[in-house]
Amino acid sequence: MNIKGKQITHKQEIVDRAFELAKKYTLENGNCAQSVTAAVFDALGIKNDDIVRATTGFAGRVGLTGDGDCGALSGGTVAISYLFGRGKDDFDKRNKMSRSLILSRKLHDGFIEKYGSYRLNDTQTKVVARPFNPFDPAEVEAAAKSGLPDKCSILTGEVARLATKIIFEESEGGTLKRNERKPYLLSDARWLTWNS
């Protein structure tokens, strides 16, 4: 397999590297969305700090609110969409986003299967029995004592691993090229094929 000009012969090593990097980045730097996006990119040899930077606001699900999906899931979705998503030049071709949507749903469904919910507060409840308020120093201390940093680092690693695995599975012919797109049609979402 060839990604961005680099020969990849050991996919499992790359998938495992994404897991380890996401854990490391989460423990050292926080921000699950950035950690997953950066880990997937680094494991695949992709250099694009603009995309990693763009995931900053997803921390704690948009500004540390805890209200919405887990940032790790957002980061994995960003990595998949970067490689398989629709660009501005294709806005008039709705079917160009189908591939990214299908793969993002696959990531989402794998996340739900493992954690029961995509919502950050529910996910924290699953891994450490309750969510925490990141703006309250006592809550931050309680989160640390509960093991939240370690458990979230494992969660981000698992999401990075799954996203990388999905990317490998989808790359056709062993070559992953960002600008190669095939239109995919969704029978239950006809609006995706308007103006195709």
N, C-alpha and C. Protein backbone atom coordinates (compact mmCIF):
# COMPACT_ATOMS: atom_id res chain seq x y z
N MET A 1 0.85 -1.17 0.00
CA MET A 1 0.00 0.00 0.00
C MET A 1 0.89 1.23 0.00
N ASN A 2 0.48 2.23 -0.74
CA ASN A 2 1.25 3.46 -0.87
C ASN A 2 0.39 4.63 -0.42
N ILE A 3 0.85 5.39 0.57
CA ILE A 3 0.12 6.55 1.05
C ILE A 3 1.03 7.75 0.98
N LYS A 4 0.59 8.74 0.21
CA LYS A 4 1.35 9.97 0.06
C LYS A 4 2.81 9.69 -0.31
N GLY A 5 3.01 8.72 -1.22
CA GLY A 5 4.35 8.42 -1.70
C GLY A 5 5.16 7.50 -0.80
N LYS A 6 4.59 7.06 0.32
CA LYS A 6 5.31 6.16 1.23
C LYS A 6 4.72 4.76 1.12
N GLN A 7 5.58 3.78 1.00
CA GLN A 7 5.14 2.40 0.91
C GLN A 7 4.75 1.89 2.30
N ILE A 8 3.55 1.37 2.41
CA ILE A 8 3.05 0.82 3.67
C ILE A 8 2.89 -0.69 3.47
N THR A 9 3.64 -1.46 4.20
CA THR A 9 3.54 -2.91 4.07
C THR A 9 2.96 -3.56 5.32
N HIS A 10 2.98 -2.87 6.41
CA HIS A 10 2.49 -3.43 7.66
C HIS A 10 1.34 -2.57 8.19
N LYS A 11 0.16 -2.82 7.64
CA LYS A 11 -1.01 -2.01 8.03
C LYS A 11 -1.28 -2.08 9.53
N GLN A 12 -1.14 -3.27 10.10
CA GLN A 12 -1.43 -3.41 11.53
C GLN A 12 -0.50 -2.54 12.36
N GLU A 13 0.75 -2.42 11.96
CA GLU A 13 1.67 -1.55 12.69
C GLU A 13 1.22 -0.09 12.63
N ILE A 14 0.70 0.33 11.49
CA ILE A 14 0.21 1.71 11.33
C ILE A 14 -1.03 1.92 12.19
N VAL A 15 -1.95 0.95 12.16
CA VAL A 15 -3.17 1.04 12.97
C VAL A 15 -2.80 1.10 14.46
N ASP A 16 -1.87 0.26 14.87
CA ASP A 16 -1.43 0.27 16.28
C ASP A 16 -0.72 1.57 16.62
N ARG A 17 0.02 2.12 15.68
CA ARG A 17 0.72 3.39 15.91
C ARG A 17 -0.30 4.52 16.12
N ALA A 18 -1.37 4.51 15.34
CA ALA A 18 -2.42 5.52 15.52
C ALA A 18 -3.00 5.43 16.94
N PHE A 19 -3.22 4.21 17.41
CA PHE A 19 -3.72 3.99 18.77
C PHE A 19 -2.75 4.59 19.80
N GLU A 20 -1.48 4.24 19.71
CA GLU A 20 -0.48 4.70 20.68
C GLU A 20 -0.29 6.21 20.63
N LEU A 21 -0.25 6.77 19.42
CA LEU A 21 -0.08 8.23 19.31
C LEU A 21 -1.27 8.98 19.90
N ALA A 22 -2.48 8.50 19.64
CA ALA A 22 -3.67 9.18 20.19
C ALA A 22 -3.64 9.14 21.71
N LYS A 23 -3.29 8.00 22.28
CA LYS A 23 -3.16 7.92 23.74
C LYS A 23 -2.14 8.93 24.25
N LYS A 24 -0.97 8.94 23.63
CA LYS A 24 0.11 9.83 24.04
C LYS A 24 -0.31 11.29 23.92
N TYR A 25 -0.87 11.66 22.77
CA TYR A 25 -1.26 13.06 22.55
C TYR A 25 -2.34 13.49 23.53
N THR A 26 -3.27 12.61 23.83
CA THR A 26 -4.35 12.95 24.77
C THR A 26 -3.78 13.18 26.17
N LEU A 27 -2.91 12.30 26.62
CA LEU A 27 -2.34 12.44 27.97
C LEU A 27 -1.43 13.66 28.07
N GLU A 28 -0.67 13.93 27.03
CA GLU A 28 0.30 15.03 27.09
C GLU A 28 -0.32 16.38 26.77
N ASN A 29 -1.32 16.42 25.92
CA ASN A 29 -1.81 17.70 25.41
C ASN A 29 -3.31 17.94 25.57
N GLY A 30 -4.06 16.92 25.95
CA GLY A 30 -5.51 17.07 26.04
C GLY A 30 -6.13 17.17 24.65
N ASN A 31 -7.38 17.53 24.60
CA ASN A 31 -8.15 17.71 23.37
C ASN A 31 -8.21 16.44 22.53
N CYS A 32 -9.23 15.64 22.81
CA CYS A 32 -9.41 14.35 22.15
C CYS A 32 -9.56 14.48 20.63
N ALA A 33 -10.27 15.51 20.17
CA ALA A 33 -10.47 15.68 18.73
C ALA A 33 -9.13 15.91 18.03
N GLN A 34 -8.34 16.83 18.57
CA GLN A 34 -7.03 17.09 17.98
C GLN A 34 -6.13 15.86 18.09
N SER A 35 -6.19 15.17 19.21
CA SER A 35 -5.33 14.01 19.42
C SER A 35 -5.62 12.91 18.40
N VAL A 36 -6.89 12.64 18.15
CA VAL A 36 -7.25 11.60 17.18
C VAL A 36 -6.86 12.02 15.76
N THR A 37 -7.21 13.25 15.38
CA THR A 37 -6.87 13.71 14.03
C THR A 37 -5.36 13.67 13.82
N ALA A 38 -4.59 14.20 14.76
CA ALA A 38 -3.13 14.23 14.65
C ALA A 38 -2.55 12.82 14.62
N ALA A 39 -3.08 11.93 15.45
CA ALA A 39 -2.57 10.55 15.50
C ALA A 39 -2.80 9.82 14.18
N VAL A 40 -4.00 9.95 13.63
CA VAL A 40 -4.29 9.30 12.35
C VAL A 40 -3.39 9.87 11.26
N PHE A 41 -3.31 11.19 11.22
CA PHE A 41 -2.45 11.84 10.21
C PHE A 41 -0.99 11.40 10.37
N ASP A 42 -0.47 11.44 11.58
CA ASP A 42 0.93 11.07 11.80
C ASP A 42 1.19 9.61 11.47
N ALA A 43 0.27 8.73 11.85
CA ALA A 43 0.44 7.31 11.55
C ALA A 43 0.45 7.05 10.05
N LEU A 44 -0.32 7.83 9.31
CA LEU A 44 -0.40 7.67 7.85
C LEU A 44 0.62 8.53 7.10
N GLY A 45 1.37 9.35 7.82
CA GLY A 45 2.37 10.20 7.17
C GLY A 45 1.78 11.43 6.51
N ILE A 46 0.63 11.88 6.98
CA ILE A 46 -0.04 13.05 6.42
C ILE A 46 0.39 14.28 7.22
N LYS A 47 0.82 15.30 6.53
CA LYS A 47 1.23 16.55 7.18
C LYS A 47 0.22 17.63 6.80
N ASN A 48 -0.60 18.04 7.75
CA ASN A 48 -1.54 19.14 7.52
C ASN A 48 -1.97 19.72 8.87
N ASP A 49 -1.16 20.63 9.37
CA ASP A 49 -1.45 21.21 10.68
C ASP A 49 -2.69 22.10 10.65
N ASP A 50 -3.07 22.61 9.47
CA ASP A 50 -4.28 23.42 9.38
C ASP A 50 -5.52 22.62 9.78
N ILE A 51 -5.57 21.38 9.35
CA ILE A 51 -6.72 20.53 9.70
C ILE A 51 -6.69 20.22 11.19
N VAL A 52 -5.53 19.88 11.72
CA VAL A 52 -5.42 19.60 13.15
C VAL A 52 -5.83 20.85 13.94
N ARG A 53 -5.35 22.00 13.53
CA ARG A 53 -5.70 23.26 14.20
C ARG A 53 -7.22 23.50 14.17
N ALA A 54 -7.84 23.15 13.05
CA ALA A 54 -9.28 23.38 12.89
C ALA A 54 -10.12 22.53 13.85
N THR A 55 -9.54 21.49 14.42
CA THR A 55 -10.29 20.64 15.37
C THR A 55 -10.21 21.15 16.81
N THR A 56 -9.47 22.22 17.06
CA THR A 56 -9.29 22.72 18.42
C THR A 56 -10.60 22.94 19.16
N GLY A 57 -11.55 23.59 18.54
CA GLY A 57 -12.81 23.94 19.19
C GLY A 57 -13.70 22.77 19.54
N PHE A 58 -13.38 21.57 19.05
CA PHE A 58 -14.19 20.40 19.37
C PHE A 58 -13.88 19.83 20.75
N ALA A 59 -12.90 20.37 21.44
CA ALA A 59 -12.54 19.85 22.77
C ALA A 59 -13.74 19.89 23.69
N GLY A 60 -13.96 18.77 24.38
CA GLY A 60 -15.08 18.70 25.31
C GLY A 60 -16.39 18.95 24.60
N ARG A 61 -16.43 18.63 23.39
CA ARG A 61 -17.53 18.82 22.46
C ARG A 61 -17.96 20.28 22.39
N VAL A 62 -17.23 21.00 21.67
CA VAL A 62 -17.43 22.42 21.38
C VAL A 62 -17.25 23.26 22.64
N GLY A 63 -16.05 23.77 22.80
CA GLY A 63 -15.77 24.70 23.88
C GLY A 63 -15.91 24.13 25.27
N LEU A 64 -15.64 22.85 25.44
CA LEU A 64 -15.70 22.17 26.75
C LEU A 64 -17.11 22.18 27.36
N THR A 65 -18.14 22.21 26.53
CA THR A 65 -19.51 22.20 27.03
C THR A 65 -19.97 20.82 27.45
N GLY A 66 -19.38 19.77 26.86
CA GLY A 66 -19.83 18.41 27.13
C GLY A 66 -21.15 18.11 26.46
N ASP A 67 -21.69 19.08 25.73
CA ASP A 67 -23.00 18.96 25.12
C ASP A 67 -22.86 18.61 23.65
N GLY A 68 -22.80 17.33 23.35
CA GLY A 68 -22.68 16.89 21.97
C GLY A 68 -21.83 15.64 21.90
N ASP A 69 -21.37 15.33 20.68
CA ASP A 69 -20.63 14.09 20.51
C ASP A 69 -19.21 14.21 21.07
N CYS A 70 -18.66 13.06 21.38
CA CYS A 70 -17.31 12.97 21.93
C CYS A 70 -16.31 13.53 20.92
N GLY A 71 -15.37 14.33 21.39
CA GLY A 71 -14.37 14.93 20.52
C GLY A 71 -13.54 13.89 19.77
N ALA A 72 -13.31 12.73 20.37
CA ALA A 72 -12.55 11.68 19.68
C ALA A 72 -13.28 11.25 18.42
N LEU A 73 -14.58 11.11 18.50
CA LEU A 73 -15.39 10.75 17.33
C LEU A 73 -15.32 11.85 16.28
N SER A 74 -15.36 13.10 16.72
CA SER A 74 -15.22 14.23 15.78
C SER A 74 -13.87 14.21 15.09
N GLY A 75 -12.81 13.96 15.84
CA GLY A 75 -11.46 13.92 15.26
C GLY A 75 -11.31 12.81 14.24
N GLY A 76 -11.86 11.64 14.52
CA GLY A 76 -11.81 10.54 13.57
C GLY A 76 -12.59 10.85 12.31
N THR A 77 -13.73 11.51 12.49
CA THR A 77 -14.55 11.90 11.35
C THR A 77 -13.82 12.92 10.48
N VAL A 78 -13.12 13.85 11.11
CA VAL A 78 -12.34 14.84 10.36
C VAL A 78 -11.26 14.15 9.53
N ALA A 79 -10.55 13.19 10.11
CA ALA A 79 -9.49 12.48 9.39
C ALA A 79 -10.06 11.73 8.18
N ILE A 80 -11.18 11.04 8.38
CA ILE A 80 -11.82 10.32 7.28
C ILE A 80 -12.29 11.29 6.20
N SER A 81 -12.91 12.38 6.63
CA SER A 81 -13.44 13.35 5.66
C SER A 81 -12.33 14.05 4.89
N TYR A 82 -11.19 14.27 5.52
CA TYR A 82 -10.06 14.88 4.82
C TYR A 82 -9.66 14.01 3.63
N LEU A 83 -9.68 12.71 3.81
CA LEU A 83 -9.23 11.80 2.76
C LEU A 83 -10.32 11.44 1.75
N PHE A 84 -11.58 11.42 2.18
CA PHE A 84 -12.64 10.93 1.31
C PHE A 84 -13.78 11.92 1.11
N GLY A 85 -13.64 13.12 1.65
CA GLY A 85 -14.73 14.09 1.63
C GLY A 85 -14.82 14.90 0.35
N ARG A 86 -15.84 15.72 0.29
CA ARG A 86 -16.13 16.58 -0.85
C ARG A 86 -15.48 17.94 -0.64
N GLY A 87 -14.82 18.44 -1.68
CA GLY A 87 -14.20 19.76 -1.63
C GLY A 87 -15.15 20.83 -2.13
N LYS A 88 -14.78 22.07 -1.91
CA LYS A 88 -15.62 23.20 -2.32
C LYS A 88 -15.91 23.19 -3.82
N ASP A 89 -14.93 22.76 -4.61
CA ASP A 89 -15.13 22.71 -6.05
C ASP A 89 -16.25 21.76 -6.45
N ASP A 90 -16.62 20.85 -5.56
CA ASP A 90 -17.67 19.87 -5.86
C ASP A 90 -18.97 20.14 -5.11
N PHE A 91 -19.16 21.35 -4.60
CA PHE A 91 -20.38 21.65 -3.85
C PHE A 91 -21.65 21.36 -4.66
N ASP A 92 -21.58 21.51 -5.96
CA ASP A 92 -22.76 21.28 -6.79
C ASP A 92 -23.01 19.79 -7.05
N LYS A 93 -22.16 18.93 -6.55
CA LYS A 93 -22.29 17.48 -6.75
C LYS A 93 -22.49 16.82 -5.39
N ARG A 94 -23.73 16.71 -5.00
CA ARG A 94 -24.02 16.18 -3.66
C ARG A 94 -23.55 14.75 -3.47
N ASN A 95 -23.52 13.97 -4.54
CA ASN A 95 -23.09 12.58 -4.37
C ASN A 95 -21.62 12.46 -4.03
N LYS A 96 -20.83 13.51 -4.19
CA LYS A 96 -19.40 13.47 -3.88
C LYS A 96 -19.15 13.34 -2.37
N MET A 97 -20.15 13.64 -1.55
CA MET A 97 -19.94 13.50 -0.10
C MET A 97 -20.38 12.14 0.42
N SER A 98 -20.98 11.33 -0.42
CA SER A 98 -21.52 10.04 0.02
C SER A 98 -20.47 9.13 0.63
N ARG A 99 -19.32 9.04 0.00
CA ARG A 99 -18.28 8.13 0.49
C ARG A 99 -17.84 8.51 1.91
N SER A 100 -17.60 9.78 2.13
CA SER A 100 -17.20 10.24 3.45
C SER A 100 -18.30 9.99 4.48
N LEU A 101 -19.54 10.21 4.09
CA LEU A 101 -20.66 10.00 5.01
C LEU A 101 -20.80 8.53 5.39
N ILE A 102 -20.65 7.65 4.42
CA ILE A 102 -20.73 6.22 4.69
C ILE A 102 -19.63 5.79 5.65
N LEU A 103 -18.41 6.25 5.40
CA LEU A 103 -17.28 5.88 6.26
C LEU A 103 -17.40 6.50 7.65
N SER A 104 -17.87 7.73 7.72
CA SER A 104 -18.06 8.39 9.02
C SER A 104 -19.14 7.67 9.82
N ARG A 105 -20.16 7.20 9.14
CA ARG A 105 -21.21 6.45 9.83
C ARG A 105 -20.65 5.13 10.36
N LYS A 106 -19.77 4.52 9.60
CA LYS A 106 -19.13 3.29 10.05
C LYS A 106 -18.34 3.54 11.35
N LEU A 107 -17.62 4.66 11.40
CA LEU A 107 -16.90 5.04 12.61
C LEU A 107 -17.88 5.28 13.76
N HIS A 108 -18.92 6.03 13.49
CA HIS A 108 -19.97 6.32 14.48
C HIS A 108 -20.56 5.03 15.03
N ASP A 109 -20.93 4.11 14.13
CA ASP A 109 -21.57 2.87 14.56
C ASP A 109 -20.62 2.01 15.41
N GLY A 110 -19.33 2.00 15.04
CA GLY A 110 -18.35 1.29 15.85
C GLY A 110 -18.20 1.90 17.24
N PHE A 111 -18.27 3.23 17.29
CA PHE A 111 -18.19 3.94 18.57
C PHE A 111 -19.40 3.60 19.44
N ILE A 112 -20.59 3.65 18.84
CA ILE A 112 -21.83 3.33 19.57
C ILE A 112 -21.78 1.89 20.09
N GLU A 113 -21.32 0.98 19.25
CA GLU A 113 -21.23 -0.42 19.65
C GLU A 113 -20.36 -0.58 20.90
N LYS A 114 -19.27 0.19 20.96
CA LYS A 114 -18.33 0.07 22.08
C LYS A 114 -18.78 0.85 23.32
N TYR A 115 -19.32 2.06 23.11
CA TYR A 115 -19.59 2.95 24.25
C TYR A 115 -21.08 3.22 24.50
N GLY A 116 -21.96 2.77 23.63
CA GLY A 116 -23.39 2.88 23.86
C GLY A 116 -24.00 4.22 23.49
N SER A 117 -23.20 5.24 23.30
CA SER A 117 -23.67 6.58 22.97
C SER A 117 -22.52 7.36 22.35
N TYR A 118 -22.87 8.33 21.53
CA TYR A 118 -21.84 9.21 20.96
C TYR A 118 -21.68 10.48 21.79
N ARG A 119 -22.60 10.74 22.69
CA ARG A 119 -22.57 11.98 23.48
C ARG A 119 -21.46 11.92 24.53
N LEU A 120 -20.74 13.01 24.66
CA LEU A 120 -19.59 13.06 25.56
C LEU A 120 -19.99 12.76 27.00
N ASN A 121 -21.04 13.37 27.50
CA ASN A 121 -21.43 13.13 28.89
C ASN A 121 -21.77 11.66 29.12
N ASP A 122 -22.45 11.03 28.16
CA ASP A 122 -22.77 9.61 28.28
C ASP A 122 -21.51 8.75 28.23
N THR A 123 -20.59 9.12 27.37
CA THR A 123 -19.34 8.37 27.23
C THR A 123 -18.52 8.46 28.52
N GLN A 124 -18.43 9.66 29.08
CA GLN A 124 -17.71 9.79 30.35
C GLN A 124 -18.38 8.98 31.45
N THR A 125 -19.70 8.95 31.45
CA THR A 125 -20.42 8.15 32.43
C THR A 125 -20.09 6.67 32.26
N LYS A 126 -19.98 6.23 31.02
CA LYS A 126 -19.64 4.83 30.75
C LYS A 126 -18.23 4.49 31.22
N VAL A 127 -17.26 5.38 30.99
CA VAL A 127 -15.87 5.03 31.30
C VAL A 127 -15.47 5.34 32.74
N VAL A 128 -16.10 6.33 33.40
CA VAL A 128 -15.73 6.65 34.79
C VAL A 128 -16.92 6.95 35.69
N ALA A 129 -18.10 6.55 35.30
CA ALA A 129 -19.32 6.62 36.12
C ALA A 129 -20.03 7.97 36.13
N ARG A 130 -19.39 9.05 35.65
CA ARG A 130 -20.09 10.33 35.60
C ARG A 130 -19.30 11.34 34.78
N PRO A 131 -19.98 12.36 34.25
CA PRO A 131 -19.26 13.44 33.55
C PRO A 131 -18.72 14.45 34.55
N PHE A 132 -17.78 15.27 34.08
CA PHE A 132 -17.15 16.27 34.92
C PHE A 132 -17.21 17.64 34.26
N ASN A 133 -17.29 18.69 35.09
CA ASN A 133 -17.30 20.07 34.60
C ASN A 133 -15.87 20.58 34.53
N PRO A 134 -15.34 20.82 33.31
CA PRO A 134 -13.94 21.23 33.19
C PRO A 134 -13.66 22.66 33.64
N PHE A 135 -14.71 23.42 34.00
CA PHE A 135 -14.53 24.79 34.45
C PHE A 135 -14.51 24.92 35.97
N ASP A 136 -14.71 23.81 36.66
CA ASP A 136 -14.72 23.80 38.12
C ASP A 136 -13.46 23.07 38.60
N PRO A 137 -12.55 23.78 39.29
CA PRO A 137 -11.29 23.14 39.72
C PRO A 137 -11.50 21.87 40.55
N ALA A 138 -12.52 21.85 41.38
CA ALA A 138 -12.78 20.65 42.18
C ALA A 138 -13.19 19.48 41.29
N GLU A 139 -13.94 19.77 40.24
CA GLU A 139 -14.36 18.74 39.29
C GLU A 139 -13.16 18.23 38.47
N VAL A 140 -12.27 19.12 38.12
CA VAL A 140 -11.06 18.72 37.38
C VAL A 140 -10.23 17.77 38.24
N GLU A 141 -10.10 18.10 39.52
CA GLU A 141 -9.37 17.24 40.44
C GLU A 141 -10.07 15.89 40.59
N ALA A 142 -11.39 15.91 40.70
CA ALA A 142 -12.15 14.66 40.82
C ALA A 142 -12.00 13.82 39.55
N ALA A 143 -11.98 14.47 38.40
CA ALA A 143 -11.81 13.74 37.12
C ALA A 143 -10.46 13.04 37.10
N ALA A 144 -9.42 13.73 37.55
CA ALA A 144 -8.08 13.14 37.58
C ALA A 144 -8.05 11.93 38.52
N LYS A 145 -8.68 12.07 39.69
CA LYS A 145 -8.70 10.98 40.66
C LYS A 145 -9.51 9.79 40.16
N SER A 146 -10.50 10.05 39.32
CA SER A 146 -11.34 8.97 38.80
C SER A 146 -10.64 8.15 37.72
N GLY A 147 -9.51 8.66 37.22
CA GLY A 147 -8.81 7.98 36.14
C GLY A 147 -9.25 8.43 34.76
N LEU A 148 -10.03 9.51 34.70
CA LEU A 148 -10.55 9.97 33.41
C LEU A 148 -9.45 10.21 32.36
N PRO A 149 -8.34 10.87 32.70
CA PRO A 149 -7.32 11.07 31.66
C PRO A 149 -6.82 9.76 31.03
N ASP A 150 -6.52 8.78 31.85
CA ASP A 150 -6.04 7.50 31.32
C ASP A 150 -7.12 6.79 30.51
N LYS A 151 -8.34 6.79 31.02
CA LYS A 151 -9.42 6.10 30.33
C LYS A 151 -9.79 6.80 29.02
N CYS A 152 -9.78 8.12 29.03
CA CYS A 152 -10.06 8.86 27.79
C CYS A 152 -8.92 8.68 26.79
N SER A 153 -7.70 8.55 27.27
CA SER A 153 -6.59 8.33 26.33
C SER A 153 -6.75 6.98 25.63
N ILE A 154 -7.24 5.99 26.34
CA ILE A 154 -7.50 4.68 25.72
C ILE A 154 -8.64 4.80 24.71
N LEU A 155 -9.69 5.52 25.10
CA LEU A 155 -10.81 5.74 24.19
C LEU A 155 -10.34 6.44 22.91
N THR A 156 -9.54 7.50 23.03
CA THR A 156 -9.06 8.20 21.84
C THR A 156 -8.18 7.27 21.00
N GLY A 157 -7.40 6.45 21.66
CA GLY A 157 -6.60 5.48 20.92
C GLY A 157 -7.46 4.50 20.14
N GLU A 158 -8.52 4.03 20.77
CA GLU A 158 -9.42 3.09 20.09
C GLU A 158 -10.11 3.75 18.89
N VAL A 159 -10.50 5.01 19.03
CA VAL A 159 -11.14 5.72 17.92
C VAL A 159 -10.12 5.95 16.79
N ALA A 160 -8.91 6.34 17.13
CA ALA A 160 -7.87 6.53 16.10
C ALA A 160 -7.58 5.21 15.38
N ARG A 161 -7.54 4.13 16.13
CA ARG A 161 -7.30 2.81 15.54
C ARG A 161 -8.43 2.46 14.57
N LEU A 162 -9.67 2.65 14.99
CA LEU A 162 -10.82 2.32 14.14
C LEU A 162 -10.85 3.21 12.89
N ALA A 163 -10.61 4.51 13.06
CA ALA A 163 -10.61 5.42 11.90
C ALA A 163 -9.53 5.01 10.90
N THR A 164 -8.36 4.68 11.40
CA THR A 164 -7.26 4.27 10.52
C THR A 164 -7.59 2.96 9.82
N LYS A 165 -8.20 2.04 10.53
CA LYS A 165 -8.61 0.77 9.94
C LYS A 165 -9.65 1.01 8.84
N ILE A 166 -10.61 1.88 9.08
CA ILE A 166 -11.62 2.21 8.07
C ILE A 166 -10.96 2.82 6.84
N ILE A 167 -10.00 3.70 7.05
CA ILE A 167 -9.27 4.33 5.95
C ILE A 167 -8.55 3.27 5.14
N PHE A 168 -7.88 2.35 5.80
CA PHE A 168 -7.18 1.27 5.08
C PHE A 168 -8.17 0.40 4.30
N GLU A 169 -9.26 0.03 4.95
CA GLU A 169 -10.25 -0.82 4.28
C GLU A 169 -10.82 -0.15 3.04
N GLU A 170 -11.00 1.14 3.10
CA GLU A 170 -11.62 1.86 1.98
C GLU A 170 -10.64 2.18 0.86
N SER A 171 -9.38 2.26 1.18
CA SER A 171 -8.41 2.60 0.14
C SER A 171 -8.37 1.46 -0.87
N GLU A 172 -8.63 1.80 -2.09
CA GLU A 172 -8.76 0.78 -3.13
C GLU A 172 -7.44 0.53 -3.83
N GLY A 173 -7.21 -0.71 -4.16
CA GLY A 173 -6.01 -1.08 -4.88
C GLY A 173 -4.72 -0.82 -4.13
N GLY A 174 -4.81 -0.63 -2.83
CA GLY A 174 -3.62 -0.39 -2.04
C GLY A 174 -3.07 1.01 -2.12
N THR A 175 -3.75 1.92 -2.82
CA THR A 175 -3.26 3.28 -2.95
C THR A 175 -4.31 4.24 -2.45
N LEU A 176 -3.93 5.12 -1.58
CA LEU A 176 -4.83 6.10 -1.02
C LEU A 176 -4.47 7.45 -1.61
N LYS A 177 -5.34 7.99 -2.43
CA LYS A 177 -5.09 9.28 -3.05
C LYS A 177 -6.23 10.21 -2.70
N ARG A 178 -5.91 11.32 -2.09
CA ARG A 178 -6.91 12.25 -1.60
C ARG A 178 -7.84 12.74 -2.69
N ASN A 179 -7.34 12.93 -3.90
CA ASN A 179 -8.17 13.51 -4.95
C ASN A 179 -8.89 12.49 -5.80
N GLU A 180 -8.72 11.21 -5.53
CA GLU A 180 -9.47 10.19 -6.26
C GLU A 180 -10.76 9.95 -5.52
N ARG A 181 -11.85 10.21 -6.17
CA ARG A 181 -13.16 10.00 -5.56
C ARG A 181 -14.01 9.17 -6.51
N LYS A 182 -14.81 8.26 -5.96
CA LYS A 182 -15.82 7.56 -6.73
C LYS A 182 -17.16 7.97 -6.16
N PRO A 183 -18.12 8.27 -7.00
CA PRO A 183 -19.43 8.61 -6.45
C PRO A 183 -20.12 7.37 -5.89
N TYR A 184 -20.64 7.50 -4.70
CA TYR A 184 -21.42 6.45 -4.07
C TYR A 184 -22.84 6.96 -3.91
N LEU A 185 -23.79 6.12 -4.18
CA LEU A 185 -25.18 6.51 -4.06
C LEU A 185 -25.79 5.83 -2.84
N LEU A 186 -26.55 6.56 -2.11
CA LEU A 186 -27.25 6.01 -0.95
C LEU A 186 -28.72 5.90 -1.32
N SER A 187 -29.25 4.69 -1.35
CA SER A 187 -30.63 4.50 -1.77
C SER A 187 -31.62 5.18 -0.82
N ASP A 188 -31.27 5.30 0.44
CA ASP A 188 -32.18 5.90 1.40
C ASP A 188 -31.93 7.40 1.60
N ALA A 189 -31.08 8.00 0.81
CA ALA A 189 -30.80 9.43 0.92
C ALA A 189 -30.64 10.02 -0.48
N ARG A 190 -31.75 10.08 -1.22
CA ARG A 190 -31.73 10.54 -2.61
C ARG A 190 -31.21 11.96 -2.76
N TRP A 191 -31.36 12.78 -1.73
CA TRP A 191 -30.90 14.17 -1.82
C TRP A 191 -29.41 14.26 -2.08
N LEU A 192 -28.66 13.21 -1.75
CA LEU A 192 -27.22 13.22 -1.98
C LEU A 192 -26.87 13.20 -3.48
N THR A 193 -27.81 12.78 -4.30
CA THR A 193 -27.51 12.64 -5.73
C THR A 193 -28.03 13.79 -6.57
N TRP A 194 -28.60 14.82 -5.97
CA TRP A 194 -29.03 15.98 -6.74
C TRP A 194 -27.84 16.58 -7.45
N ASN A 195 -28.04 17.09 -8.61
CA ASN A 195 -27.02 17.79 -9.38
C ASN A 195 -25.75 17.00 -9.58
N SER A 196 -25.86 15.67 -9.62
CA SER A 196 -24.65 14.87 -9.77
C SER A 196 -24.25 14.71 -11.21
